[in-house]
Protein backbone atom coordinates (compact mmCIF):
# COMPACT_ATOMS: atom_id res chain seq x y z
CA MET A 1 124.37 63.48 38.45
CA SER A 2 126.48 63.57 42.14
CA LEU A 3 124.72 64.34 45.50
CA LEU A 4 126.46 68.05 45.51
CA GLY A 5 124.73 68.75 42.20
CA LYS A 6 121.34 67.59 43.27
CA GLY A 7 121.42 69.14 46.41
CA LYS A 8 122.46 72.70 44.66
CA ARG A 9 119.38 72.26 42.55
CA LEU A 10 117.06 71.03 45.37
CA VAL A 11 118.38 74.49 47.25
CA GLY A 12 117.70 76.29 44.84
CA THR A 13 114.33 74.99 44.08
CA GLY A 14 113.59 75.78 47.88
CA ALA A 15 114.87 79.11 47.28
CA ARG A 16 113.00 80.21 44.67
CA ARG A 17 109.92 78.75 46.61
CA LEU A 18 110.58 80.73 49.57
CA ILE A 19 110.98 83.80 47.78
CA LEU A 20 107.37 83.26 45.62
CA TYR A 21 105.55 82.54 49.17
CA LEU A 22 107.32 85.90 50.30
CA VAL A 23 105.82 87.26 47.14
CA ILE A 24 102.45 86.14 48.17
CA LEU A 25 102.83 87.10 51.69
CA VAL A 26 103.44 90.65 50.77
CA GLY A 27 100.47 90.85 48.00
CA VAL A 28 98.46 89.54 50.69
CA ALA A 29 99.05 92.29 53.17
CA ALA A 30 99.12 94.89 50.50
CA TRP A 31 95.87 93.98 49.68
CA LYS A 32 94.61 93.77 53.37
CA PHE A 33 96.56 97.01 54.72
CA VAL A 34 97.71 99.18 51.84
CA PRO A 35 95.74 102.14 51.59
CA ARG A 36 93.66 102.25 47.84
CA PRO A 37 94.15 105.23 45.57
CA TRP A 38 91.40 107.62 46.52
CA ARG A 39 90.62 111.59 44.37
CA PRO A 40 88.40 113.44 46.75
CA ALA A 41 85.10 115.18 44.66
CA ILE A 42 85.15 117.95 46.27
CA THR A 43 87.23 120.78 48.69
CA VAL A 44 85.93 122.71 51.28
CA ASN A 45 87.95 125.45 52.90
CA THR A 46 87.03 127.09 56.47
CA GLU A 47 88.54 129.21 58.36
CA HIS A 48 90.85 126.60 59.98
CA PHE A 49 90.26 123.40 57.95
CA ALA A 50 90.79 121.67 54.34
CA ILE A 51 88.15 119.29 53.48
CA PHE A 52 88.65 116.67 51.04
CA SER A 53 85.74 114.89 50.35
CA THR A 54 83.49 112.24 48.27
CA ALA A 55 80.60 113.18 50.21
CA SER A 56 77.68 116.11 49.25
CA LYS A 57 78.54 119.71 49.38
CA PHE A 58 76.46 119.92 52.20
CA GLN A 59 77.41 117.32 54.53
CA ALA A 60 80.91 118.18 53.75
CA GLY A 61 79.92 121.57 54.44
CA THR A 62 78.26 120.73 57.81
CA VAL A 63 81.46 118.81 58.73
CA GLY A 64 83.07 122.04 58.31
CA THR A 65 81.04 124.34 60.58
CA THR A 66 80.94 121.39 63.07
CA VAL A 67 85.10 121.38 63.17
CA GLU A 68 84.82 125.18 63.18
CA GLN A 69 82.36 125.24 66.57
CA LEU A 70 85.17 122.40 67.70
CA TYR A 71 88.47 124.58 66.99
CA THR A 72 86.45 127.56 68.90
CA ALA A 73 85.67 125.52 71.86
CA TYR A 74 89.12 123.98 72.10
CA SER A 75 91.09 127.32 71.50
CA ASN A 76 88.79 128.90 74.67
CA GLN A 77 89.66 126.14 76.61
CA PHE A 78 93.29 125.24 75.69
CA CYS A 79 95.16 128.53 74.29
CA ARG A 80 96.55 128.82 77.25
CA LEU A 81 99.06 125.88 77.01
CA SER A 82 102.55 126.79 76.78
CA GLY A 83 102.68 125.01 73.35
CA PHE A 84 99.59 126.38 71.67
CA THR A 85 99.91 128.25 68.11
CA ALA A 86 97.50 129.68 66.46
CA ALA A 87 99.42 130.33 63.56
CA HIS A 88 99.51 127.37 61.45
CA THR A 89 98.23 126.15 57.64
CA ARG A 90 94.73 124.91 57.16
CA LEU A 91 94.25 121.40 59.07
CA LYS A 92 93.74 118.49 56.43
CA MET A 93 90.62 116.22 56.77
CA LYS A 94 89.37 113.59 54.20
CA LEU A 95 85.75 112.79 54.53
CA TYR A 96 84.23 109.73 52.66
CA ARG A 97 80.76 109.35 51.74
CA ASP A 98 80.00 106.82 53.89
CA ARG A 99 81.45 103.72 56.02
CA LYS A 100 81.96 101.50 53.01
CA GLU A 101 84.17 103.42 50.94
CA PHE A 102 86.10 104.54 54.24
CA ARG A 103 86.91 100.82 54.76
CA ARG A 104 87.39 100.35 50.66
CA ILE A 105 90.41 103.12 50.97
CA ASN A 106 91.42 102.04 54.15
CA PRO A 107 91.47 98.29 54.85
CA GLY A 108 92.77 96.61 58.01
CA LEU A 109 91.14 99.04 59.88
CA ASP A 110 89.40 96.65 62.93
CA TRP A 111 87.12 98.20 65.33
CA ALA A 112 88.04 101.74 63.87
CA GLU A 113 85.37 103.90 62.29
CA ALA A 114 87.34 106.98 61.89
CA PHE A 115 91.46 107.85 62.47
CA TYR A 116 94.11 110.35 62.69
CA ARG A 117 97.36 109.86 60.96
CA HIS A 118 99.41 113.24 60.18
CA PRO A 119 98.27 115.22 58.17
CA TYR A 120 95.33 113.82 57.61
CA CYS A 121 91.79 113.27 59.62
CA GLN A 122 89.99 110.83 58.33
CA ALA A 123 86.25 109.83 58.81
CA TYR A 124 83.34 109.16 56.82
CA TYR A 125 80.20 111.16 56.83
CA SER A 126 77.35 108.26 58.83
CA GLU A 127 74.09 109.67 57.32
CA SER A 128 72.38 106.68 59.18
CA GLU A 129 73.09 108.24 62.77
CA ILE A 130 71.73 111.08 64.43
CA ASN A 131 74.89 112.44 65.21
CA PRO A 132 76.78 111.93 61.70
CA TYR A 133 79.96 113.42 62.43
CA HIS A 134 81.26 113.04 66.00
CA TRP A 135 83.72 110.34 64.74
CA MET A 136 85.31 112.89 62.77
CA VAL A 137 84.93 115.65 66.12
CA HIS A 138 87.09 112.80 68.10
CA GLU A 139 89.74 112.43 65.10
CA ALA A 140 89.75 116.31 65.11
CA VAL A 141 90.88 116.90 68.83
CA HIS A 142 94.01 114.39 68.26
CA GLN A 143 94.83 116.23 65.52
CA LEU A 144 94.34 120.02 67.35
CA ASN A 145 96.78 118.29 70.43
CA ASN A 146 99.23 117.22 68.03
CA GLU A 147 99.30 120.16 65.29
CA VAL A 148 97.94 123.13 67.64
CA ALA A 149 98.53 123.00 70.93
CA HIS A 150 101.64 120.36 70.71
CA ILE A 151 100.78 118.18 73.60
CA GLU A 152 101.64 114.70 74.03
CA PRO A 153 99.35 113.20 77.23
CA VAL A 154 98.92 109.85 78.11
CA LYS A 155 96.44 106.95 76.48
CA TRP A 156 93.82 107.72 79.29
CA LEU A 157 94.24 111.41 78.87
CA GLU A 158 94.48 111.54 74.72
CA GLU A 159 91.51 109.72 74.37
CA GLY A 160 89.35 111.10 77.51
CA LEU A 161 90.45 114.53 75.69
CA ALA A 162 88.88 113.80 72.61
CA GLU A 163 85.77 112.03 73.96
CA TYR A 164 84.91 115.06 76.24
CA PHE A 165 84.89 117.00 73.25
CA SER A 166 82.88 114.67 70.63
CA THR A 167 80.60 113.62 72.97
CA SER A 168 79.40 116.97 73.88
CA ARG A 169 76.71 118.80 72.21
CA PHE A 170 76.23 120.88 69.85
CA THR A 171 73.37 123.50 70.07
CA ARG A 172 72.78 126.88 68.59
CA GLY A 173 75.74 127.21 66.83
CA ARG A 174 78.27 126.32 69.59
CA LEU A 175 79.61 123.55 71.48
CA ALA A 176 78.34 123.19 75.12
CA LEU A 177 81.39 121.35 76.22
CA GLY A 178 80.31 118.86 79.18
CA GLN A 179 76.67 118.52 78.01
CA VAL A 180 76.42 114.97 76.87
CA ASP A 181 75.02 114.03 73.48
CA PRO A 182 73.59 110.62 74.21
CA ASN A 183 73.90 109.76 70.35
CA THR A 184 77.99 109.58 70.30
CA TYR A 185 80.55 107.06 71.17
CA PRO A 186 80.71 105.41 73.98
CA VAL A 187 77.76 106.97 75.75
CA TRP A 188 75.62 104.14 73.73
CA TRP A 189 77.67 101.51 76.31
CA ILE A 190 77.24 103.42 79.46
CA GLU A 191 75.19 101.61 81.03
CA THR A 192 78.08 98.66 81.11
CA ILE A 193 80.20 101.02 83.58
CA ALA A 194 79.61 101.14 87.54
CA THR A 195 76.44 98.91 87.11
CA THR A 196 75.07 98.97 91.24
CA PRO A 197 75.57 102.14 93.45
CA ASP A 198 78.36 99.98 95.24
CA LEU A 199 82.19 101.17 94.57
CA THR A 200 83.34 97.87 96.00
CA THR A 201 80.85 95.83 94.22
CA ASN A 202 81.39 97.28 90.51
CA LEU A 203 85.25 96.76 91.47
CA GLN A 204 84.35 92.79 92.05
CA ASN A 205 82.08 92.85 89.19
CA GLY A 206 84.55 93.94 86.69
CA SER A 207 82.01 97.23 85.73
CA VAL A 208 84.70 99.43 87.23
CA ILE A 209 88.56 99.34 86.49
CA PRO A 210 90.77 100.74 89.44
CA LEU A 211 91.66 104.19 88.38
CA ARG A 212 95.48 103.39 88.87
CA VAL A 213 95.15 101.12 86.31
CA ILE A 214 93.26 103.47 84.02
CA ILE A 215 95.99 106.31 84.79
CA SER A 216 98.87 104.22 84.57
CA GLY A 217 98.14 102.11 81.61
CA ARG A 218 99.34 98.69 83.48
CA GLY A 219 97.38 96.04 84.32
CA GLY A 220 93.41 95.32 84.06
CA PRO A 221 91.50 93.36 81.79
CA SER A 222 92.19 92.86 78.18
CA MET A 223 91.84 95.79 75.79
CA LYS A 224 90.18 93.65 73.11
CA ARG A 225 87.50 92.30 75.36
CA HIS A 226 86.45 95.34 77.05
CA PHE A 227 87.14 97.92 74.74
CA ASN A 228 84.28 99.93 74.99
CA LEU A 229 84.43 100.21 79.22
CA TYR A 230 88.26 101.63 79.03
CA TYR A 231 86.73 104.41 76.53
CA LEU A 232 84.26 104.68 78.96
CA HIS A 233 86.71 105.24 81.78
CA TRP A 234 88.76 107.95 79.84
CA TRP A 235 85.95 109.85 79.24
CA THR A 236 84.08 109.80 82.39
CA LEU A 237 87.85 110.62 84.17
CA THR A 238 88.16 113.54 81.83
CA HIS A 239 84.98 114.39 82.23
CA PHE A 240 84.96 114.46 85.83
CA ILE A 241 88.12 116.50 85.94
CA PHE A 242 86.70 119.30 83.73
CA GLU A 243 83.27 119.58 85.01
CA THR A 244 84.66 119.85 88.86
CA PRO A 245 85.33 123.10 89.50
CA LYS A 246 87.87 121.95 92.35
CA HIS A 247 89.94 119.96 89.63
CA ARG A 248 89.05 122.13 86.76
CA THR A 249 91.22 124.68 87.74
CA ASN A 250 94.60 121.92 87.53
CA ALA A 251 93.00 120.53 84.34
CA LEU A 252 95.64 122.26 82.09
CA ALA A 253 98.85 122.10 84.01
CA LEU A 254 97.68 118.32 84.05
CA ILE A 255 97.80 118.19 80.61
CA GLU A 256 100.96 120.04 80.42
CA ALA A 257 102.37 117.46 82.67
CA GLY A 258 101.10 114.76 80.57
CA GLY A 259 98.53 113.33 82.62
CA GLY A 260 100.78 110.23 84.26
CA VAL A 261 100.23 108.74 87.60
CA GLU A 262 102.92 111.22 89.42
CA ALA A 263 101.19 114.49 87.25
CA PHE A 264 97.63 113.20 88.23
CA GLU A 265 98.54 112.69 92.03
CA ARG A 266 100.57 116.08 91.58
CA HIS A 267 98.04 118.26 90.24
CA VAL A 268 94.51 116.44 90.83
CA ALA A 269 94.70 114.25 94.20
CA ARG A 270 95.75 110.74 95.30
CA ILE A 271 94.31 108.11 92.42
CA GLU A 272 92.73 106.50 95.59
CA GLN A 273 91.13 109.55 96.99
CA VAL A 274 89.49 110.85 93.49
CA GLN A 275 88.44 106.85 92.43
CA PRO A 276 85.14 107.43 94.87
CA GLU A 277 84.47 111.16 93.74
CA TRP A 278 84.38 110.03 89.89
CA HIS A 279 82.66 106.73 90.59
CA ASP A 280 79.53 108.92 92.03
CA HIS A 281 80.07 111.65 89.07
CA VAL A 282 79.89 108.45 87.02
CA ARG A 283 76.48 107.09 88.80
CA ARG A 284 74.92 110.41 88.18
CA LEU A 285 75.59 110.92 84.74
CA LYS A 286 74.04 107.42 84.07
CA ALA A 287 70.84 109.01 85.75
CA GLU A 288 70.99 112.01 84.19
CA LEU A 289 70.67 109.97 80.99
CA ALA A 290 68.71 107.71 82.08
CA GLU A 291 65.76 110.04 82.33
CA GLY A 292 66.09 110.11 78.11
CA PRO A 293 66.52 107.60 75.43
CA VAL A 294 69.72 106.78 74.32
CA SER A 295 69.91 106.19 70.22
CA ARG A 296 72.34 103.85 68.86
CA HIS A 297 73.71 103.87 65.04
């Protein structure tokens, strides 16, 4: 056999081997990341939501009641936003019976306990937690932002709004915005932010990230290594704005403008001016929460 012929055979063998490797790689990726088939056992329809579920009827009904309370509170806050519309079809949710099923159907989620990907909010009923539906409430805010209010805030404000609602207490058939429920994420981790009374010390020890970093989304410590700390900043900054009378009046304008650095300094104040006020707010929150136990899942 000529060298040319042998070379062709080797090239053909190499190509087949490469194709085989690609097929294996695609198979592994599909096994790890592609959602599995799933069939809900029940559907619970509320006024504004359609909940497809493998949880019990009681659990799905509890989530339905909860997200309707969220819808009312959200609408009361944001109905004056220019893009807000009450004319929409039922918002769709998938409620899994437990964490195991949620992760089996949706592999490759890493840290996520719930997620929103249009047109579904997806979460599980966490029976082991005191607040078994706060993950769904968080994702439902993202859904409301996208499908009802039609807003696109920057990262800190998008997540901060979701946390502002999902960390609030449900009491007497309503969502009491700003009244913090200690049995919610990221409140569990509040001891890790602003660990001393002094702002300068906290900036140095890393328990406070400069607000300009938080608002701009640039610089700062690794998100992967300080995930909870970022969520604490996003939540407490949003809580500060909505629970401080002088800033609350401009909150809608800030949201309409997207929440970036320029919008923040136009509608709230200069970031370096706000930072010590926010820090004091965080320390007050920590003191209030320290008066009672914080339970974790």
